[in-house]
Protein backbone atom coordinates (compact mmCIF):
# COMPACT_ATOMS: atom_id res chain seq x y z
CA MET A 1 75.46 169.26 43.21
CA ILE A 2 78.17 170.84 41.04
CA GLU A 3 78.50 173.83 43.34
CA MET A 4 78.85 171.53 46.36
CA PHE A 5 81.32 169.42 44.53
CA ASP A 6 83.32 172.58 43.71
CA GLU A 7 83.02 173.72 47.22
CA ARG A 8 83.70 170.58 49.03
CA ILE A 9 86.14 168.82 46.69
CA VAL A 10 87.80 171.09 44.23
CA ALA A 11 88.22 174.21 46.44
CA THR A 12 89.54 172.11 49.29
CA GLY A 13 92.29 170.38 47.13
CA ARG A 14 90.70 167.01 47.62
CA LEU A 15 90.18 166.31 43.90
CA PRO A 16 93.08 163.89 43.76
CA LEU A 17 91.74 162.03 46.82
CA PHE A 18 88.21 162.07 44.98
CA GLY A 19 89.93 160.54 41.88
CA PHE A 20 91.52 157.90 44.26
CA PHE A 21 88.24 157.15 45.87
CA VAL A 22 86.22 156.57 42.70
CA ALA A 23 88.98 154.64 40.92
CA PHE A 24 89.23 152.48 43.91
CA MET A 25 85.58 151.66 44.07
CA ILE A 26 85.20 151.18 40.43
CA THR A 27 88.34 148.96 40.25
CA PHE A 28 87.16 146.99 43.01
CA VAL A 29 83.70 146.33 41.73
CA LEU A 30 85.04 145.33 38.27
CA THR A 31 87.68 143.07 39.81
CA ARG A 32 84.99 141.21 41.79
CA VAL A 33 82.70 140.92 38.77
CA ASN A 34 85.69 139.59 36.69
CA VAL A 35 86.72 137.06 39.35
CA ARG A 36 83.10 135.87 39.94
CA LEU A 37 82.68 135.40 36.20
CA ILE A 38 86.02 133.36 36.16
CA ARG A 39 85.01 131.29 38.86
CA ALA A 40 81.49 130.54 37.22
CA ASN A 41 83.66 129.35 34.16
CA VAL A 42 81.72 131.62 31.83
CA ARG A 43 82.88 130.65 28.45
CA TRP A 44 82.59 134.15 26.75
CA TRP A 45 84.64 135.79 29.60
CA PHE A 46 88.30 135.95 30.24
CA ARG A 47 90.34 133.51 32.09
CA ASN A 48 92.99 133.68 34.75
CA VAL A 49 96.28 135.19 33.75
CA THR A 50 98.78 132.41 33.66
CA ALA A 51 102.62 131.95 32.69
CA GLY A 52 102.88 128.35 32.00
CA ASP A 53 101.80 126.70 35.22
CA LEU A 54 102.20 129.86 37.11
CA HIS A 55 98.88 131.81 38.04
CA ILE A 56 99.78 135.49 38.17
CA HIS A 57 97.30 137.02 40.74
CA HIS A 58 95.96 140.59 40.15
CA VAL A 59 97.97 141.80 43.26
CA VAL A 60 100.89 141.82 41.02
CA PHE A 61 99.19 144.23 38.74
CA GLY A 62 98.10 146.22 41.59
CA VAL A 63 101.64 146.57 42.94
CA VAL A 64 102.80 147.78 39.60
CA LEU A 65 100.00 150.42 39.36
CA MET A 66 100.53 151.53 42.90
CA LEU A 67 104.33 151.94 42.08
CA LEU A 68 103.46 153.92 38.91
CA GLY A 69 100.77 156.03 40.49
CA GLY A 70 102.94 156.86 43.70
CA VAL A 71 106.01 157.72 41.60
CA ALA A 72 103.92 159.91 39.26
CA ALA A 73 102.20 161.69 42.08
CA LEU A 74 105.78 162.50 43.64
CA ALA A 75 107.17 163.56 40.34
CA VAL A 76 104.35 165.76 38.91
CA PRO A 77 104.52 169.32 40.35
CA GLU A 78 101.43 170.48 42.36
CA ALA A 79 100.47 172.87 39.64
CA TYR A 80 99.54 170.20 37.27
CA VAL A 81 96.16 169.25 39.00
CA GLY A 82 95.19 166.95 36.02
CA LEU A 83 98.23 164.88 36.16
CA ASN A 84 98.03 164.57 40.00
CA VAL A 85 94.40 163.22 39.59
CA ALA A 86 95.55 160.88 36.87
CA ALA A 87 98.38 159.65 39.24
CA ALA A 88 95.75 159.41 42.14
CA VAL A 89 93.41 157.46 39.75
CA VAL A 90 96.36 154.90 38.93
CA PHE A 91 97.26 154.63 42.58
CA GLY A 92 93.60 153.98 43.47
CA MET A 93 93.32 151.29 40.73
CA GLY A 94 96.41 149.62 42.19
CA SER A 95 95.33 149.97 45.80
CA ALA A 96 92.05 148.29 44.93
CA LEU A 97 93.83 145.24 43.15
CA VAL A 98 96.16 145.03 46.07
CA LEU A 99 93.65 145.20 48.90
CA ASP A 100 91.30 142.82 46.95
CA GLU A 101 93.95 140.11 47.82
CA PHE A 102 95.05 141.46 51.16
CA ALA A 103 94.18 138.02 52.60
CA LEU A 104 96.66 136.41 50.23
CA ILE A 105 99.44 138.75 51.43
CA LEU A 106 98.45 138.22 55.12
CA HIS A 107 98.29 134.40 55.12
CA LEU A 108 100.78 133.99 52.24
CA SER A 109 98.38 131.45 50.71
CA ASP A 110 95.72 131.37 48.02
CA VAL A 111 92.73 131.89 50.28
CA TYR A 112 90.70 134.12 47.96
CA TRP A 113 87.51 132.09 48.04
CA THR A 114 87.91 130.63 51.59
CA GLU A 115 86.58 131.96 54.78
CA LYS A 116 89.88 133.77 55.54
CA GLY A 117 89.46 135.59 52.21
CA ARG A 118 86.83 137.87 53.85
CA ALA A 119 89.97 139.68 55.35
CA SER A 120 90.42 141.27 51.85
CA LEU A 121 86.64 142.63 51.95
CA ASP A 122 87.30 143.88 55.47
CA ALA A 123 90.33 145.76 54.24
CA VAL A 124 88.63 147.15 51.21
CA PHE A 125 85.64 148.35 53.33
CA VAL A 126 88.01 150.05 55.72
CA ALA A 127 89.78 151.78 52.97
CA ILE A 128 86.53 153.00 51.62
CA ALA A 129 85.23 154.10 54.92
CA VAL A 130 88.66 155.96 55.82
CA THR A 131 88.81 157.70 52.30
CA GLY A 132 85.02 158.65 52.59
CA LEU A 133 85.72 160.19 55.87
CA LEU A 134 88.71 162.12 54.73
CA LEU A 135 86.69 163.39 51.67
CA LEU A 136 83.96 164.70 54.04
CA GLY A 137 86.68 166.74 55.85
CA ILE A 138 86.88 164.74 59.06
CA ARG A 139 90.24 164.76 60.42
CA PRO A 140 91.92 161.88 62.21
CA LEU A 141 93.11 161.85 65.76
CA GLY A 142 91.94 165.46 66.49
CA TYR A 143 89.15 168.06 66.29
CA GLU A 144 88.29 170.47 63.56
CA GLY A 145 89.97 173.71 64.13
CA ILE A 146 92.70 172.44 66.48
CA ALA A 147 95.90 172.60 64.63
CA PRO A 148 99.70 173.25 65.16
CA ASP A 149 100.53 176.83 65.97
CA PRO A 150 101.88 178.29 62.94
CA GLY A 151 103.83 180.85 64.82
CA THR A 152 105.95 178.65 66.96
CA GLY A 153 105.78 175.49 65.13
CA ILE A 154 104.66 173.61 68.49
CA LEU A 155 101.40 171.78 68.71
CA THR A 156 99.05 173.21 71.14
CA ARG A 157 98.39 171.65 74.62
CA VAL A 158 94.86 170.67 73.70
CA TYR A 159 95.87 169.14 70.49
CA VAL A 160 98.60 167.07 72.11
CA ALA A 161 96.16 166.02 74.98
CA SER A 162 93.41 165.10 72.45
CA LEU A 163 95.92 163.25 70.41
CA VAL A 164 97.25 161.19 73.38
CA VAL A 165 93.85 160.48 74.74
CA ASN A 166 92.50 159.37 71.27
CA LEU A 167 95.40 157.05 70.65
CA VAL A 168 95.09 155.51 74.19
CA PHE A 169 91.23 154.86 73.64
CA ALA A 170 91.96 153.51 70.05
CA VAL A 171 94.53 151.11 71.38
CA ILE A 172 92.17 149.84 74.14
CA THR A 173 89.37 149.68 71.64
CA LEU A 174 91.47 147.63 69.41
CA LEU A 175 92.75 145.32 72.22
CA LYS A 176 89.12 144.73 73.05
CA GLY A 177 88.66 143.22 69.57
CA LYS A 178 86.52 146.12 68.14
CA ILE A 179 88.34 146.68 64.90
CA TRP A 180 85.86 148.68 63.09
CA THR A 181 85.05 151.01 65.97
CA GLY A 182 88.71 151.69 66.49
CA LEU A 183 89.48 152.52 63.02
CA ILE A 184 86.30 154.76 62.54
CA GLY A 185 86.78 156.08 66.00
CA LEU A 186 90.11 157.63 64.72
CA PHE A 187 87.98 160.08 62.94
CA VAL A 188 84.92 160.07 65.27
CA PRO A 189 86.45 160.07 68.85
CA ALA A 190 83.31 159.53 70.44
CA LEU A 191 83.25 155.96 69.18
CA LEU A 192 86.69 155.38 70.78
CA ILE A 193 85.23 156.51 74.11
CA ILE A 194 82.27 154.05 73.78
CA GLY A 195 84.45 151.25 72.58
CA ALA A 196 87.07 151.65 75.47
CA VAL A 197 84.34 151.82 78.07
CA ARG A 198 82.08 148.82 76.95
CA VAL A 199 83.26 145.31 77.73
CA ALA A 200 85.70 143.40 75.44
CA ARG A 201 84.79 140.80 72.84
CA PRO A 202 85.17 137.10 74.04
CA GLY A 203 88.59 135.85 72.79
CA SER A 204 90.17 139.32 72.43
CA PRO A 205 93.51 140.03 74.04
CA TRP A 206 91.81 142.37 76.71
CA SER A 207 89.50 139.69 77.58
CA ARG A 208 92.24 137.06 77.89
CA TRP A 209 94.15 139.43 80.28
CA ARG A 210 91.50 141.03 82.23
CA TYR A 211 88.33 138.77 82.46
CA ASP A 212 88.10 135.59 84.42
CA PRO A 213 85.96 132.89 82.54
CA GLU A 214 83.73 132.87 85.54
CA SER A 215 83.36 136.55 86.16
CA ARG A 216 80.33 138.57 85.36
CA ARG A 217 81.94 140.71 82.72
CA TYR A 218 82.93 137.68 80.63
CA GLN A 219 79.53 136.34 80.93
CA ARG A 220 77.97 139.61 79.94
CA ALA A 221 80.56 139.71 77.08
CA VAL A 222 79.40 136.41 75.86
CA ARG A 223 75.83 137.25 75.90
CA ARG A 224 76.16 140.50 74.20
CA GLU A 225 78.35 138.64 71.48
CA ARG A 226 75.70 136.04 71.10
CA ARG A 227 72.84 138.57 71.24
CA LEU A 228 74.22 141.56 69.27
CA ARG A 229 77.56 140.90 67.74
CA ARG A 230 76.75 137.74 65.78
CA PRO A 231 73.62 139.04 63.93
CA LEU A 232 75.66 142.09 62.88
CA ILE A 233 78.59 139.89 61.72
CA GLN A 234 76.07 137.60 59.72
CA ALA A 235 74.72 140.65 58.09
CA LYS A 236 78.07 142.00 57.22
CA ILE A 237 79.06 138.57 55.81
CA TRP A 238 75.83 138.53 53.77
CA VAL A 239 76.69 142.03 52.29
CA GLN A 240 80.15 140.93 51.65
CA GLU A 241 79.07 137.69 49.71
CA PHE A 242 76.36 139.59 47.93
CA ILE A 243 78.96 142.02 46.58
CA ALA A 244 82.05 139.78 46.15
CA GLY A 245 80.58 136.26 46.10
CA ARG A 246 80.71 133.26 48.50
CA HIS A 247 83.76 132.32 50.26
CA ASP A 248 82.96 128.65 50.67
CA LEU A 249 85.98 126.94 49.47
CA ILE A 250 88.12 124.76 51.97
CA PRO A 251 91.18 126.73 53.16
CA PRO A 252 94.48 125.45 51.62
CA GLU A 253 95.98 124.58 54.97
CA LEU A 254 92.78 122.75 56.05
CA LEU A 255 92.75 121.00 52.64
CA GLN A 256 96.55 120.11 53.24
CA ARG A 257 95.53 118.86 56.76
CA ARG A 258 92.69 116.82 55.24
CA ASN A 259 95.08 115.44 52.58
CA GLU A 260 97.61 114.62 55.15
CA ALA A 261 95.10 113.03 57.35
CA ALA A 262 93.90 111.00 54.35
CA GLU A 263 97.51 110.07 53.45
CA ARG A 264 98.03 108.89 57.03
CA ALA A 265 94.80 107.03 57.08
CA ARG A 266 95.76 105.48 53.67
CA ARG A 267 99.28 104.55 55.14
CA ARG A 268 97.60 103.11 58.26
CA LYS A 269 95.19 101.21 56.14
CA LEU A 270 98.08 100.01 53.96
CA ALA A 271 100.02 99.04 57.05
CA ARG A 272 97.02 97.17 58.36
CA ALA A 273 96.58 95.37 55.13
CA GLU A 274 100.21 94.49 55.18
CA ARG A 275 100.10 93.22 58.73
CA ARG A 276 96.96 91.23 57.84
CA ALA A 277 98.58 89.82 54.73
CA ALA A 278 101.55 88.93 56.83
CA ALA A 279 99.34 87.23 59.46
CA ARG A 280 97.50 85.46 56.79
CA ALA A 281 100.78 84.34 55.18
CA ASP A 282 102.11 83.28 58.67
CA ARG A 283 98.71 81.42 59.25
CA ARG A 284 98.97 79.87 55.74
CA ALA A 285 102.57 78.94 56.29
CA GLU A 286 101.71 77.50 59.74
CA ARG A 287 98.68 75.69 58.16
CA GLY A 288 100.96 74.62 55.31
CA TRP A 289 103.57 73.40 57.81
CA GLU A 290 100.81 71.68 59.79
CA ARG A 291 99.31 70.12 56.56
CA ARG A 292 102.91 69.17 55.67
CA ALA A 293 103.42 67.71 59.12
CA GLU A 294 100.04 66.07 58.90
CA ARG A 295 100.85 64.63 55.48
CA ARG A 296 104.35 63.49 56.77
CA ALA A 297 102.55 61.98 59.80
CA ALA A 298 99.94 60.50 57.66
CA ARG A 299 102.54 59.14 55.32
CA ARG A 300 104.53 57.71 58.27
CA ALA A 301 101.34 56.24 59.88
CA SER A 302 100.43 54.79 56.37
CA ALA A 303 103.99 53.31 55.97
CA ARG A 304 103.73 52.09 59.56
CA ALA A 305 100.32 50.69 58.86
CA GLU A 306 101.55 49.14 55.64
CA ARG A 307 104.56 47.69 57.54
CA GLU A 308 102.40 46.50 60.34
CA SER A 309 99.93 45.06 57.79
CA ALA A 310 102.75 43.29 55.89
CA ALA A 311 104.11 41.98 59.26
CA ARG A 312 100.69 41.04 60.12
CA GLU A 313 100.22 39.37 56.72
CA GLU A 314 103.46 37.67 57.20
CA ARG A 315 102.60 36.56 60.57
CA ASN A 316 99.14 35.27 59.22
CA ALA A 317 100.79 33.66 56.47
CA ALA A 318 103.30 31.89 58.72
CA ALA A 319 100.43 31.00 60.99
CA ARG A 320 98.51 29.78 58.05
CA ALA A 321 101.44 27.80 56.91
CA HIS A 322 101.99 26.45 60.44
CA ARG A 323 98.41 25.52 60.77
CA ASP A 324 98.50 24.02 57.24
CA ALA A 325 101.56 21.97 58.18
CA ALA A 326 100.02 20.94 61.50
CA ALA A 327 96.81 20.01 59.66
CA ARG A 328 98.70 18.11 57.21
CA ALA A 329 100.71 16.51 59.84
CA ARG A 330 97.48 15.67 61.76
CA ARG A 331 95.90 14.37 58.61
CA ARG A 332 98.88 12.20 57.90
CA THR A 333 98.73 10.89 61.49
CA LEU A 334 95.12 10.42 61.25
CA ALA A 335 95.48 8.79 57.98
CA ARG A 336 98.22 6.46 59.29
CA VAL A 337 96.08 5.81 62.54
CA ARG A 338 93.10 5.23 60.31
CA GLY A 339 95.08 3.16 57.93
CA GLY A 340 96.27 0.73 60.75
CA THR A 341 92.98 0.54 62.39
CA GLY A 342 91.00 -0.08 59.18
CA SER A 343 93.35 -2.92 58.29
CA ARG A 344 92.89 -4.58 61.67
CA ILE A 345 89.14 -4.12 61.35
CA ARG A 346 89.30 -5.38 57.84
CA ASN A 347 91.34 -8.35 59.03
CA ARG A 348 89.10 -9.04 61.81
CA ALA A 349 85.96 -8.79 59.60
CA ALA A 350 87.78 -11.13 57.04
CA SER A 351 88.61 -13.53 59.97
CA LEU A 352 85.16 -13.42 61.17
CA ARG A 353 83.79 -14.02 57.78
CA ARG A 354 86.01 -16.91 57.23
CA ALA A 355 85.08 -18.27 60.59
CA ARG A 356 81.44 -17.94 59.77
CA ARG A 357 81.97 -19.56 56.44
CA MET A 358 83.71 -22.45 57.97
CA GLU A 359 80.91 -22.80 60.64
CA GLN A 360 78.48 -22.86 57.85
CA GLU A 361 80.37 -25.43 56.00
CA GLU A 362 80.65 -27.60 59.05
CA GLU A 363 76.85 -27.39 59.85
CA PRO A 364 74.80 -30.31 58.09
CA PRO A 365 71.91 -29.13 55.90
CA PRO A 366 68.65 -29.39 57.35
CA GLY A 367 66.87 -32.75 56.89
CA SER A 368 70.23 -34.69 56.40
CA ASP A 369 71.20 -37.56 58.64
CA ARG A 370 73.73 -35.45 60.43
CA SER A 371 71.23 -32.92 61.41
CA ARG A 372 68.82 -35.67 62.64
CA ALA A 373 71.43 -37.23 64.63
CA ALA A 374 72.36 -34.02 66.17
CA SER A 375 68.93 -33.08 66.92
CA PRO A 376 67.48 -34.79 70.16
């Protein structure tokens, strides 16, 4: 193993690249362990680095380390292999910190634990794959043994042709939505040929430009995406979440849209409540006005009824007074009439009594001489 390391890494001058690769992976793993413990809110672990209310992301430290490592690698002479390796290690640590928050730089938003945060893992995996291929001695955009002609300083025709063909295939592969195939194909040109020949992914620029939604190619691409691509993506997501944690938070823009939607709903609810309150107030006002009008009408009706009752009472009183006066007049008349008739009757009765007494006085008592004389 040591001999292979000396032969493939030290002898070929790839020791700084190896230091970069190892530092990159170790820093990425430690960073993910750290952020997962911070997210789990473990009491005995560190907390986020803050300055007041400002959260300082680890991409800031990564940029500083990349600057230090890059400047040191440029400043240190090539003869000092140890210093070059140290500079590469510092640069690898900074690169891991920066690429771990690649999604934050891409979206200019804190999407670290959201679905968009998986872009950081894709960037890290691409960097690890590219660095690993470089460590294996695989050269991008060319074949082993084809190099510029040292005598003339002009690239050979074969190298130029392969370079152009590989670049064309890489562009076609990337336009077809096959990112991993295009990037790794820069080191393994056979993958570029496969990616350029096969159908594009649905939704890719190539599919939008060249495929009709009703065409057979598009339908075949959809079936292939559903049958092959989705299981691979799910497996990749499982591996990413196993290493780096679950990206299950709501994206900030979606959260903002939800908050805005909630705010709009709250405003609409308040507006509806205000309209309902105004309508109720109007109805109350109308009802109050109606009640006041009813009360006024009732008061007027009551006053009119009272006036009518008073007038009726007055009329009744006048009628009663008139009837009483008429009755008194009739009684007086009857009294006068009765008084005159009674006196006449009394006088007639008195005269009759007197006449009867006189007749009685003139008649002789029975058995007397006058009565005998008068009898036959």
